[in-house]
Amino acid sequence: MSPDALNSLFSLCIGFALAGALASGYQALVKRPAGFGLLQQGVAPQAFAAVPFLVFAAPFIIMRNTLRGARIERRRFQFVMMATMLAGFWSLMSGTFFLMTLRAAGVLA
């Protein structure tokens, strides 16, 4: 496996782990699952604060909603695969951003 492929795989895993940790932490604090409905509170400070949270927690939310929909609503395989690819790409980008931030802060070499 090439170093670039390994770095991308690591970014993907870090992105999903970060998304899961954020969504689980939110659910532990608020006692309800995180969702995109956080943005539908109108023009309020909570809606603006939800944007950065949802940017990093979105891959987990997308996969949770997709897997629930596949099981309950019997969604087609193509829809589930497309949502999985979207969540994976989003996770790759958020994981890359997170790792770049850690490198810029001097936490990672």
Protein backbone atom coordinates (compact mmCIF):
# COMPACT_ATOMS: atom_id res chain seq x y z
CA MET A 1 0.00 0.00 0.00
CA SER A 2 1.43 3.37 -1.00
CA PRO A 3 2.01 6.09 1.62
CA ASP A 4 -0.61 8.33 -0.02
CA ALA A 5 -3.24 5.59 0.12
CA LEU A 6 -2.37 4.86 3.74
CA ASN A 7 -2.64 8.57 4.60
CA SER A 8 -6.05 8.76 2.92
CA LEU A 9 -7.27 5.67 4.75
CA PHE A 10 -6.08 7.16 8.04
CA SER A 11 -7.86 10.45 7.28
CA LEU A 12 -11.05 8.55 6.43
CA CYS A 13 -10.92 6.61 9.70
CA ILE A 14 -10.16 9.73 11.74
CA GLY A 15 -13.05 11.56 10.06
CA PHE A 16 -15.55 8.81 10.89
CA ALA A 17 -14.21 8.50 14.44
CA LEU A 18 -14.46 12.25 14.99
CA ALA A 19 -18.01 12.31 13.59
CA GLY A 20 -19.08 9.42 15.82
CA ALA A 21 -17.50 10.96 18.90
CA LEU A 22 -19.17 14.32 18.31
CA ALA A 23 -22.60 12.83 17.63
CA SER A 24 -22.37 10.47 20.61
CA GLY A 25 -21.18 13.27 22.89
CA TYR A 26 -24.08 15.45 21.75
CA GLN A 27 -26.53 12.62 22.40
CA ALA A 28 -25.08 12.02 25.87
CA LEU A 29 -25.37 15.70 26.77
CA VAL A 30 -28.77 16.55 25.27
CA LYS A 31 -30.44 13.11 25.57
CA ARG A 32 -31.56 13.11 21.90
CA PRO A 33 -29.73 12.19 18.72
CA ALA A 34 -28.07 14.88 16.63
CA GLY A 35 -29.61 15.63 13.27
CA PHE A 36 -29.81 18.19 10.52
CA GLY A 37 -32.93 19.59 12.19
CA LEU A 38 -30.59 21.65 14.36
CA LEU A 39 -30.39 24.11 11.48
CA GLN A 40 -34.17 24.64 11.38
CA GLN A 41 -34.36 26.80 14.50
CA GLY A 42 -34.54 30.02 12.53
CA VAL A 43 -32.05 32.82 12.93
CA ALA A 44 -30.78 32.04 16.39
CA PRO A 45 -27.36 31.65 18.00
CA GLN A 46 -28.05 27.91 18.35
CA ALA A 47 -28.44 27.53 14.58
CA PHE A 48 -25.15 29.31 13.93
CA ALA A 49 -23.39 27.21 16.57
CA ALA A 50 -24.81 24.05 14.98
CA VAL A 51 -23.07 24.66 11.65
CA PRO A 52 -19.48 23.82 12.70
CA PHE A 53 -20.77 20.90 14.77
CA LEU A 54 -22.70 19.49 11.81
CA VAL A 55 -19.76 19.97 9.44
CA PHE A 56 -17.78 17.40 11.42
CA ALA A 57 -20.65 15.20 12.68
CA ALA A 58 -22.42 14.88 9.31
CA PRO A 59 -20.83 11.59 8.14
CA PHE A 60 -22.14 9.80 11.22
CA ILE A 61 -25.60 11.37 10.88
CA ILE A 62 -25.79 10.52 7.17
CA MET A 63 -24.82 6.89 7.78
CA ARG A 64 -27.16 6.51 10.75
CA ASN A 65 -30.10 7.88 8.77
CA THR A 66 -29.19 5.83 5.69
CA LEU A 67 -28.90 2.53 7.56
CA ARG A 68 -32.14 3.16 9.44
CA GLY A 69 -33.88 4.01 6.17
CA ALA A 70 -32.51 0.90 4.47
CA ARG A 71 -33.80 -1.29 7.29
CA ILE A 72 -37.15 0.40 7.98
CA GLU A 73 -38.18 1.86 4.61
CA ARG A 74 -36.46 -0.80 2.45
CA ARG A 75 -34.53 1.77 0.42
CA ARG A 76 -32.84 0.59 -2.74
CA PHE A 77 -29.22 -0.52 -2.76
CA GLN A 78 -28.21 2.28 -5.15
CA PHE A 79 -29.46 4.94 -2.75
CA VAL A 80 -27.65 3.36 0.19
CA MET A 81 -24.42 3.06 -1.83
CA MET A 82 -24.61 6.69 -2.98
CA ALA A 83 -25.19 7.92 0.59
CA THR A 84 -22.30 5.76 1.82
CA MET A 85 -19.97 7.24 -0.79
CA LEU A 86 -21.09 10.77 0.14
CA ALA A 87 -20.50 10.12 3.84
CA GLY A 88 -17.13 8.52 3.09
CA PHE A 89 -15.96 11.47 1.00
CA TRP A 90 -17.21 13.92 3.62
CA SER A 91 -15.41 11.94 6.30
CA LEU A 92 -12.22 11.92 4.24
CA MET A 93 -12.33 15.70 3.87
CA SER A 94 -13.14 16.41 7.52
CA GLY A 95 -10.48 13.93 8.67
CA THR A 96 -7.92 15.58 6.39
CA PHE A 97 -8.83 19.01 7.74
CA PHE A 98 -8.61 17.76 11.34
CA LEU A 99 -5.19 16.18 10.77
CA MET A 100 -3.91 19.30 9.00
CA THR A 101 -5.09 21.38 11.96
CA LEU A 102 -3.26 19.09 14.38
CA ARG A 103 -0.09 19.31 12.28
CA ALA A 104 -0.32 23.12 12.11
CA ALA A 105 -0.75 23.27 15.89
CA GLY A 106 2.36 21.15 16.34
CA VAL A 107 0.57 18.21 17.93
CA LEU A 108 1.52 15.86 15.07
CA ALA A 109 4.88 15.79 13.34
